[in-house]
C-alpha atoms as a PDB file:
ATOM      1  CA  MET A   1      10.076  96.364 178.147  1.00  0.00           C
ATOM      2  CA  LYS A   2       7.258  93.846 178.253  1.00  0.00           C
ATOM      3  CA  ILE A   3       7.314  91.524 181.300  1.00  0.00           C
ATOM      4  CA  ILE A   4       6.140  87.919 181.012  1.00  0.00           C
ATOM      5  CA  GLU A   5       5.598  85.818 184.143  1.00  0.00           C
ATOM      6  CA  VAL A   6       5.726  82.051 183.766  1.00  0.00           C
ATOM      7  CA  VAL A   7       5.990  78.894 185.831  1.00  0.00           C
ATOM      8  CA  ALA A   8       8.177  75.870 185.091  1.00  0.00           C
ATOM      9  CA  ALA A   9       8.087  72.289 186.362  1.00  0.00           C
ATOM     10  CA  ILE A  10      11.348  70.659 187.353  1.00  0.00           C
ATOM     11  CA  ILE A  11       9.958  67.115 187.240  1.00  0.00           C
ATOM     12  CA  ILE A  12      12.254  64.657 189.000  1.00  0.00           C
ATOM     13  CA  LYS A  13      11.887  60.878 188.756  1.00  0.00           C
ATOM     14  CA  ASP A  14      14.385  58.087 189.467  1.00  0.00           C
ATOM     15  CA  GLY A  15      17.380  60.450 189.573  1.00  0.00           C
ATOM     16  CA  MET A  16      16.469  62.149 186.293  1.00  0.00           C
ATOM     17  CA  VAL A  17      14.825  65.419 185.267  1.00  0.00           C
ATOM     18  CA  TYR A  18      12.265  65.819 182.486  1.00  0.00           C
ATOM     19  CA  ALA A  19      12.934  68.259 179.642  1.00  0.00           C
ATOM     20  CA  THR A  20      11.082  69.200 176.458  1.00  0.00           C
ATOM     21  CA  ARG A  21      12.219  70.580 173.093  1.00  0.00           C
ATOM     22  CA  ARG A  22      10.272  73.499 171.630  1.00  0.00           C
ATOM     23  CA  GLY A  23       8.565  72.830 168.331  1.00  0.00           C
ATOM     24  CA  TYR A  24       7.644  76.434 167.504  1.00  0.00           C
ATOM     25  CA  GLY A  25       8.758  80.056 167.596  1.00  0.00           C
ATOM     26  CA  ASP A  26      12.114  81.819 167.599  1.00  0.00           C
ATOM     27  CA  PHE A  27      13.627  79.168 169.860  1.00  0.00           C
ATOM     28  CA  LYS A  28      12.347  76.119 167.963  1.00  0.00           C
ATOM     29  CA  GLY A  29      14.606  73.157 168.706  1.00  0.00           C
ATOM     30  CA  TRP A  30      15.886  74.527 172.032  1.00  0.00           C
ATOM     31  CA  TRP A  31      15.251  72.642 175.281  1.00  0.00           C
ATOM     32  CA  GLU A  32      13.290  73.884 178.289  1.00  0.00           C
ATOM     33  CA  PHE A  33      11.508  72.778 181.404  1.00  0.00           C
ATOM     34  CA  PRO A  34       7.765  72.488 180.714  1.00  0.00           C
ATOM     35  CA  GLY A  35       5.335  75.123 181.956  1.00  0.00           C
ATOM     36  CA  GLY A  36       3.867  78.379 180.760  1.00  0.00           C
ATOM     37  CA  LYS A  37       2.207  81.686 181.491  1.00  0.00           C
ATOM     38  CA  THR A  38       0.189  82.423 184.583  1.00  0.00           C
ATOM     39  CA  GLU A  39      -3.373  83.693 184.281  1.00  0.00           C
ATOM     40  CA  ALA A  40      -4.971  86.509 186.288  1.00  0.00           C
ATOM     41  CA  GLY A  41      -6.045  85.437 189.773  1.00  0.00           C
ATOM     42  CA  GLU A  42      -4.293  82.071 189.519  1.00  0.00           C
ATOM     43  CA  SER A  43      -1.748  80.907 192.088  1.00  0.00           C
ATOM     44  CA  LEU A  44       1.663  79.892 190.747  1.00  0.00           C
ATOM     45  CA  GLU A  45       1.016  76.288 191.773  1.00  0.00           C
ATOM     46  CA  ASP A  46      -2.388  76.181 190.072  1.00  0.00           C
ATOM     47  CA  ALA A  47      -0.926  77.746 186.925  1.00  0.00           C
ATOM     48  CA  LEU A  48       1.768  75.077 186.826  1.00  0.00           C
ATOM     49  CA  LYS A  49      -0.731  72.236 187.270  1.00  0.00           C
ATOM     50  CA  ARG A  50      -2.891  73.684 184.477  1.00  0.00           C
ATOM     51  CA  GLU A  51       0.033  74.174 182.111  1.00  0.00           C
ATOM     52  CA  ILE A  52       1.354  70.633 182.610  1.00  0.00           C
ATOM     53  CA  LYS A  53      -2.145  69.244 182.028  1.00  0.00           C
ATOM     54  CA  GLU A  54      -2.408  71.266 178.796  1.00  0.00           C
ATOM     55  CA  GLU A  55       1.122  70.574 177.512  1.00  0.00           C
ATOM     56  CA  LEU A  56       1.632  66.983 178.626  1.00  0.00           C
ATOM     57  CA  ASP A  57      -1.822  65.689 179.605  1.00  0.00           C
ATOM     58  CA  ALA A  58      -0.312  64.808 182.989  1.00  0.00           C
ATOM     59  CA  GLU A  59      -1.018  65.454 186.654  1.00  0.00           C
ATOM     60  CA  ILE A  60       1.763  66.694 188.926  1.00  0.00           C
ATOM     61  CA  GLU A  61       2.378  67.410 192.569  1.00  0.00           C
ATOM     62  CA  VAL A  62       3.999  70.818 192.968  1.00  0.00           C
ATOM     63  CA  GLY A  63       6.719  70.877 195.608  1.00  0.00           C
ATOM     64  CA  GLU A  64       9.148  73.546 196.759  1.00  0.00           C
ATOM     65  CA  LEU A  65      10.164  76.610 194.791  1.00  0.00           C
ATOM     66  CA  LEU A  66      13.651  75.888 193.445  1.00  0.00           C
ATOM     67  CA  ASP A  67      14.334  79.365 192.069  1.00  0.00           C
ATOM     68  CA  THR A  68      12.829  82.401 190.394  1.00  0.00           C
ATOM     69  CA  VAL A  69      14.799  83.253 187.283  1.00  0.00           C
ATOM     70  CA  GLU A  70      14.872  86.797 185.916  1.00  0.00           C
ATOM     71  CA  TRP A  71      16.062  86.936 182.302  1.00  0.00           C
ATOM     72  CA  ASP A  72      16.114  89.636 179.631  1.00  0.00           C
ATOM     73  CA  TYR A  73      15.352  88.324 176.154  1.00  0.00           C
ATOM     74  CA  PRO A  74      15.613  90.783 173.235  1.00  0.00           C
ATOM     75  CA  ASP A  75      11.866  91.547 173.183  1.00  0.00           C
ATOM     76  CA  PHE A  76      10.763  90.962 176.784  1.00  0.00           C
ATOM     77  CA  HIS A  77      11.786  90.378 180.394  1.00  0.00           C
ATOM     78  CA  LEU A  78      10.995  86.894 181.727  1.00  0.00           C
ATOM     79  CA  THR A  79      10.195  86.083 185.339  1.00  0.00           C
ATOM     80  CA  MET A  80      10.157  82.284 185.647  1.00  0.00           C
ATOM     81  CA  HIS A  81       9.124  80.579 188.896  1.00  0.00           C
ATOM     82  CA  CYS A  82      10.620  77.063 188.911  1.00  0.00           C
ATOM     83  CA  PHE A  83       9.152  74.397 191.163  1.00  0.00           C
ATOM     84  CA  VAL A  84      10.410  70.906 191.939  1.00  0.00           C
ATOM     85  CA  CYS A  85       7.582  68.558 190.949  1.00  0.00           C
ATOM     86  CA  SER A  86       6.678  64.888 190.847  1.00  0.00           C
ATOM     87  CA  LEU A  87       4.381  63.060 188.463  1.00  0.00           C
ATOM     88  CA  LEU A  88       1.037  61.745 189.670  1.00  0.00           C
ATOM     89  CA  SER A  89       0.311  60.075 186.325  1.00  0.00           C
ATOM     90  CA  ASP A  90       2.351  57.477 184.471  1.00  0.00           C
ATOM     91  CA  THR A  91       2.105  58.826 180.941  1.00  0.00           C
ATOM     92  CA  LEU A  92       3.220  62.046 179.277  1.00  0.00           C
ATOM     93  CA  GLN A  93       1.839  63.180 175.921  1.00  0.00           C
ATOM     94  CA  LEU A  94       3.568  65.902 173.911  1.00  0.00           C
ATOM     95  CA  ASN A  95       0.814  68.341 172.919  1.00  0.00           C
ATOM     96  CA  GLU A  96       3.069  71.343 172.173  1.00  0.00           C
ATOM     97  CA  HIS A  97       6.676  70.131 172.047  1.00  0.00           C
ATOM     98  CA  GLU A  98       8.506  68.180 169.353  1.00  0.00           C
ATOM     99  CA  ALA A  99      10.555  65.954 171.671  1.00  0.00           C
ATOM    100  CA  ASP A 100      11.207  65.125 175.299  1.00  0.00           C
ATOM    101  CA  ALA A 101      13.877  63.403 177.352  1.00  0.00           C
ATOM    102  CA  TRP A 102      14.699  62.247 180.855  1.00  0.00           C
ATOM    103  CA  LEU A 103      18.189  63.546 181.626  1.00  0.00           C
ATOM    104  CA  ASP A 104      20.542  62.495 184.393  1.00  0.00           C
ATOM    105  CA  ALA A 105      23.090  64.848 185.971  1.00  0.00           C
ATOM    106  CA  LYS A 106      25.778  63.935 183.433  1.00  0.00           C
ATOM    107  CA  SER A 107      23.589  64.435 180.333  1.00  0.00           C
ATOM    108  CA  LEU A 108      22.171  67.846 181.305  1.00  0.00           C
ATOM    109  CA  HIS A 109      24.810  69.594 179.182  1.00  0.00           C
ATOM    110  CA  ASN A 110      24.080  67.466 176.099  1.00  0.00           C
ATOM    111  CA  VAL A 111      21.125  69.581 174.960  1.00  0.00           C
ATOM    112  CA  LYS A 112      20.817  73.227 173.887  1.00  0.00           C
ATOM    113  CA  TRP A 113      18.876  74.931 176.706  1.00  0.00           C
ATOM    114  CA  LEU A 114      16.918  78.148 176.426  1.00  0.00           C
ATOM    115  CA  PRO A 115      19.035  80.855 178.098  1.00  0.00           C
ATOM    116  CA  ALA A 116      16.710  81.314 181.092  1.00  0.00           C
ATOM    117  CA  ASP A 117      16.533  77.551 181.721  1.00  0.00           C
ATOM    118  CA  GLU A 118      20.278  76.974 181.386  1.00  0.00           C
ATOM    119  CA  GLY A 119      21.020  78.874 184.583  1.00  0.00           C
ATOM    120  CA  LEU A 120      19.100  76.234 186.555  1.00  0.00           C
ATOM    121  CA  ILE A 121      21.385  73.374 185.512  1.00  0.00           C
ATOM    122  CA  PRO A 122      23.856  73.622 188.461  1.00  0.00           C
ATOM    123  CA  GLN A 123      20.972  73.553 190.969  1.00  0.00           C
ATOM    124  CA  ILE A 124      19.347  70.616 189.203  1.00  0.00           C
ATOM    125  CA  GLN A 125      22.630  68.694 189.171  1.00  0.00           C
ATOM    126  CA  VAL A 126      22.692  69.064 192.961  1.00  0.00           C
ATOM    127  CA  LEU A 127      19.083  67.810 193.182  1.00  0.00           C
ATOM    128  CA  LEU A 128      19.925  64.784 191.048  1.00  0.00           C
ATOM    129  CA  GLY A 129      23.020  63.989 193.089  1.00  0.00           C
END
């Protein structure tokens, strides 16, 4: 089975976490934490900074590793390194997603998460208090 390694930003601000809704592919309309694939020779942190710049035209500070999620999708195995992050810029621009939202601990279950991302919700609820 094909293995895909990605990074994801768990961006926390004012007791809320940032989420994006996919605008393409098999999981169009599902919610996820922004990020993407790593490139050869790139550290996980550098990959995450690059991906957030590309997807959201934003700068982030990458903090601690929250979790590494291993998930089997029908066509591939996903390894997703999830880091707690903070924004260094005030604006976010959706370059790849169709929608975004800041969610508090109570509203995390109000969106349809991608399966690999959904497993992070209990940990994020703890982070948000």
